Amino acid sequence: LNATVEHTASEILFVQKQYYYEKIKNKTLYYSLLEFWLFTKHTDFCGCSFFWVRYLFFLLLEHVNETKMDKPIL
């Protein structure tokens, strides 16, 4: 059961990463951050502190994808 839950969580995280990366890549950074903040505010129990960790992760994802635009990050 734990393997199934972790697998589903990783799929959800992958979809989230692709969604927000596309928003950032399309230069709608302000709106994606606003939406991202609202999304994490309503779904994360850790509050805004965890939001900043995820925000930095997506900035890193954007930086990595700028150097490797030919394939998505898993």
Protein backbone atom coordinates (compact mmCIF):
# COMPACT_ATOMS: atom_id res chain seq x y z
CA LEU A 1 0.00 0.00 0.00
CA ASN A 2 2.81 2.43 0.84
CA ALA A 3 4.42 1.82 -2.55
CA THR A 4 1.14 2.66 -4.28
CA VAL A 5 0.70 5.85 -2.26
CA GLU A 6 4.29 6.97 -2.93
CA HIS A 7 3.94 6.20 -6.64
CA THR A 8 0.72 8.23 -6.86
CA ALA A 9 2.31 11.10 -4.92
CA SER A 10 5.29 11.14 -7.29
CA GLU A 11 2.93 11.26 -10.29
CA ILE A 12 1.04 14.19 -8.75
CA LEU A 13 4.31 16.00 -8.01
CA PHE A 14 5.46 15.42 -11.59
CA VAL A 15 2.24 16.94 -12.96
CA GLN A 16 2.60 19.90 -10.61
CA LYS A 17 6.21 20.46 -11.65
CA GLN A 18 5.33 20.36 -15.36
CA TYR A 19 2.36 22.67 -14.85
CA TYR A 20 4.27 25.34 -12.94
CA TYR A 21 7.35 25.03 -15.12
CA GLU A 22 5.21 25.72 -18.19
CA LYS A 23 3.68 28.75 -16.45
CA ILE A 24 7.14 30.08 -15.55
CA LYS A 25 8.54 29.31 -19.00
CA ASN A 26 5.70 31.26 -20.59
CA LYS A 27 6.80 34.35 -18.63
CA THR A 28 3.64 34.53 -16.54
CA LEU A 29 5.79 34.40 -13.42
CA TYR A 30 3.75 36.82 -11.30
CA TYR A 31 0.47 35.01 -11.93
CA SER A 32 1.98 31.57 -11.51
CA LEU A 33 3.50 32.61 -8.17
CA LEU A 34 0.17 33.98 -7.01
CA GLU A 35 -1.60 30.80 -8.07
CA PHE A 36 1.20 28.70 -6.61
CA TRP A 37 0.91 30.52 -3.27
CA LEU A 38 -2.85 29.97 -3.18
CA PHE A 39 -2.40 26.32 -4.11
CA THR A 40 0.19 25.62 -1.43
CA LYS A 41 -1.71 27.69 1.13
CA HIS A 42 -4.76 25.48 0.74
CA THR A 43 -3.03 22.10 0.41
CA ASP A 44 0.08 22.19 2.60
CA PHE A 45 -0.10 21.77 6.35
CA CYS A 46 3.31 23.39 6.82
CA GLY A 47 2.10 26.82 5.70
CA CYS A 48 4.13 29.44 3.91
CA SER A 49 7.53 28.20 5.08
CA PHE A 50 7.08 25.05 2.99
CA PHE A 51 5.91 27.24 0.10
CA TRP A 52 9.32 28.92 -0.04
CA VAL A 53 11.07 25.55 -0.18
CA ARG A 54 8.89 24.56 -3.13
CA TYR A 55 9.32 27.98 -4.73
CA LEU A 56 13.11 27.65 -4.62
CA PHE A 57 12.78 24.14 -6.04
CA PHE A 58 10.83 25.47 -9.02
CA LEU A 59 13.36 28.24 -9.59
CA LEU A 60 16.04 25.56 -9.66
CA LEU A 61 13.90 23.54 -12.06
CA GLU A 62 13.61 26.59 -14.33
CA HIS A 63 17.38 27.17 -14.24
CA VAL A 64 18.13 23.54 -15.09
CA ASN A 65 15.60 23.53 -17.93
CA GLU A 66 17.14 26.67 -19.43
CA THR A 67 20.31 24.67 -20.03
CA LYS A 68 18.51 21.48 -21.12
CA MET A 69 15.45 22.52 -23.09
CA ASP A 70 15.33 19.34 -25.17
CA LYS A 71 14.09 16.98 -22.45
CA PRO A 72 11.83 17.40 -19.40
CA ILE A 73 13.01 16.94 -15.83
CA LEU A 74 11.56 13.87 -14.17
